[in-house]
C-alpha atoms as a PDB file:
ATOM      1  CA  MET A   1     159.204 151.017  27.021  1.00  0.00           C
ATOM      2  CA  SER A   2     161.435 150.324  24.021  1.00  0.00           C
ATOM      3  CA  CYS A   3     162.766 153.887  24.500  1.00  0.00           C
ATOM      4  CA  TYR A   4     164.391 152.808  27.760  1.00  0.00           C
ATOM      5  CA  SER A   5     166.813 150.154  28.982  1.00  0.00           C
ATOM      6  CA  GLU A   6     167.108 148.641  32.421  1.00  0.00           C
ATOM      7  CA  VAL A   7     170.241 149.937  34.185  1.00  0.00           C
ATOM      8  CA  MET A   8     173.042 147.346  34.016  1.00  0.00           C
ATOM      9  CA  TYR A   9     176.680 147.633  35.100  1.00  0.00           C
ATOM     10  CA  GLY A  10     179.095 147.740  32.174  1.00  0.00           C
ATOM     11  CA  GLU A  11     176.368 147.970  29.564  1.00  0.00           C
ATOM     12  CA  ASN A  12     174.690 151.340  29.984  1.00  0.00           C
ATOM     13  CA  MET A  13     176.365 152.774  33.070  1.00  0.00           C
ATOM     14  CA  PHE A  14     179.972 153.516  33.908  1.00  0.00           C
ATOM     15  CA  PRO A  15     181.676 151.517  36.692  1.00  0.00           C
ATOM     16  CA  HIS A  16     182.126 154.685  38.794  1.00  0.00           C
ATOM     17  CA  GLU A  17     178.391 155.522  38.584  1.00  0.00           C
ATOM     18  CA  GLY A  18     175.831 154.290  41.018  1.00  0.00           C
ATOM     19  CA  PRO A  19     172.550 152.923  39.612  1.00  0.00           C
ATOM     20  CA  ILE A  20     170.650 155.935  40.958  1.00  0.00           C
ATOM     21  CA  ASP A  21     173.038 158.288  39.127  1.00  0.00           C
ATOM     22  CA  ALA A  22     172.592 156.432  35.834  1.00  0.00           C
ATOM     23  CA  GLY A  23     168.910 155.606  35.986  1.00  0.00           C
ATOM     24  CA  GLU A  24     165.466 156.631  37.085  1.00  0.00           C
ATOM     25  CA  HIS A  25     162.174 154.940  37.819  1.00  0.00           C
ATOM     26  CA  PRO A  26     160.264 154.258  34.597  1.00  0.00           C
ATOM     27  CA  GLY A  27     157.268 156.358  35.657  1.00  0.00           C
ATOM     28  CA  VAL A  28     159.499 159.404  36.038  1.00  0.00           C
ATOM     29  CA  LEU A  29     161.106 158.888  32.613  1.00  0.00           C
ATOM     30  CA  ILE A  30     157.748 158.393  30.927  1.00  0.00           C
ATOM     31  CA  GLN A  31     156.294 161.460  32.629  1.00  0.00           C
ATOM     32  CA  GLU A  32     159.280 163.606  31.621  1.00  0.00           C
ATOM     33  CA  ASP A  33     159.173 162.427  28.009  1.00  0.00           C
ATOM     34  CA  PHE A  34     155.450 162.047  27.364  1.00  0.00           C
ATOM     35  CA  GLY A  35     153.536 163.634  30.265  1.00  0.00           C
ATOM     36  CA  ILE A  36     150.898 160.879  30.395  1.00  0.00           C
ATOM     37  CA  PHE A  37     150.201 160.837  34.144  1.00  0.00           C
ATOM     38  CA  SER A  38     147.776 163.293  35.682  1.00  0.00           C
ATOM     39  CA  GLU A  39     148.744 165.396  38.696  1.00  0.00           C
ATOM     40  CA  ARG A  40     146.636 163.053  40.834  1.00  0.00           C
ATOM     41  CA  LEU A  41     149.049 160.236  40.014  1.00  0.00           C
ATOM     42  CA  ASP A  42     152.280 161.934  41.046  1.00  0.00           C
ATOM     43  CA  ASP A  43     153.448 159.128  43.347  1.00  0.00           C
ATOM     44  CA  THR A  44     156.203 157.025  41.729  1.00  0.00           C
ATOM     45  CA  ASP A  45     155.003 153.886  43.524  1.00  0.00           C
ATOM     46  CA  LYS A  46     151.499 154.271  42.090  1.00  0.00           C
ATOM     47  CA  GLN A  47     152.954 154.991  38.653  1.00  0.00           C
ATOM     48  CA  ALA A  48     155.122 151.864  38.924  1.00  0.00           C
ATOM     49  CA  CYS A  49     152.156 149.672  39.892  1.00  0.00           C
ATOM     50  CA  LEU A  50     150.051 151.042  37.039  1.00  0.00           C
ATOM     51  CA  LEU A  51     152.847 150.505  34.522  1.00  0.00           C
ATOM     52  CA  GLU A  52     153.366 146.943  35.776  1.00  0.00           C
ATOM     53  CA  GLU A  53     149.678 146.214  35.204  1.00  0.00           C
ATOM     54  CA  ILE A  54     149.639 147.776  31.743  1.00  0.00           C
ATOM     55  CA  LEU A  55     152.951 146.333  30.568  1.00  0.00           C
ATOM     56  CA  TRP A  56     152.729 142.897  32.162  1.00  0.00           C
ATOM     57  CA  TYR A  57     154.106 140.126  30.021  1.00  0.00           C
ATOM     58  CA  PRO A  58     155.871 136.917  31.051  1.00  0.00           C
ATOM     59  CA  ASP A  59     159.628 136.726  31.333  1.00  0.00           C
ATOM     60  CA  ARG A  60     161.634 134.337  29.155  1.00  0.00           C
ATOM     61  CA  ASP A  61     160.813 131.405  31.429  1.00  0.00           C
ATOM     62  CA  GLY A  62     157.118 132.311  31.534  1.00  0.00           C
ATOM     63  CA  VAL A  63     157.317 132.468  35.316  1.00  0.00           C
ATOM     64  CA  GLY A  64     156.966 136.111  36.258  1.00  0.00           C
ATOM     65  CA  PRO A  65     156.664 139.563  34.783  1.00  0.00           C
ATOM     66  CA  ALA A  66     159.523 140.730  32.563  1.00  0.00           C
ATOM     67  CA  PHE A  67     158.906 144.395  33.426  1.00  0.00           C
ATOM     68  CA  ASP A  68     159.829 145.791  36.842  1.00  0.00           C
ATOM     69  CA  GLY A  69     158.047 149.091  37.419  1.00  0.00           C
ATOM     70  CA  HIS A  70     160.137 149.693  40.530  1.00  0.00           C
ATOM     71  CA  GLY A  71     163.460 149.099  38.766  1.00  0.00           C
ATOM     72  CA  LEU A  72     165.829 151.705  37.414  1.00  0.00           C
ATOM     73  CA  TYR A  73     165.862 152.486  33.711  1.00  0.00           C
ATOM     74  CA  THR A  74     167.811 154.822  31.459  1.00  0.00           C
ATOM     75  CA  ARG A  75     167.461 156.386  28.051  1.00  0.00           C
ATOM     76  CA  ARG A  76     170.893 154.945  27.262  1.00  0.00           C
ATOM     77  CA  GLU A  77     170.954 151.768  25.273  1.00  0.00           C
ATOM     78  CA  THR A  78     174.695 151.201  25.682  1.00  0.00           C
ATOM     79  CA  LEU A  79     177.706 153.171  26.867  1.00  0.00           C
ATOM     80  CA  PHE A  80     178.352 153.975  23.219  1.00  0.00           C
ATOM     81  CA  ASP A  81     175.265 156.227  23.326  1.00  0.00           C
ATOM     82  CA  ILE A  82     177.064 158.618  25.677  1.00  0.00           C
ATOM     83  CA  VAL A  83     180.721 158.325  24.628  1.00  0.00           C
ATOM     84  CA  PRO A  84     181.753 160.914  21.988  1.00  0.00           C
END
């Protein structure tokens, strides 16, 4: 998941963009880049649940998971990655 960043206003998406325009569900990004899911697991919700189980680790407070499989992520690290 270090290839991707969670979509955040002002950091890796322009103010005029909506989150859906700037990001994608992590299962979709991983499938596009690495093709790890079989055709039987083509549902993004199932992919998200599987990724949450595999990538579970506590957040900074140790309270909940730090990874949200249903969130929106991007290949952009910052806006500087897309500005010429």
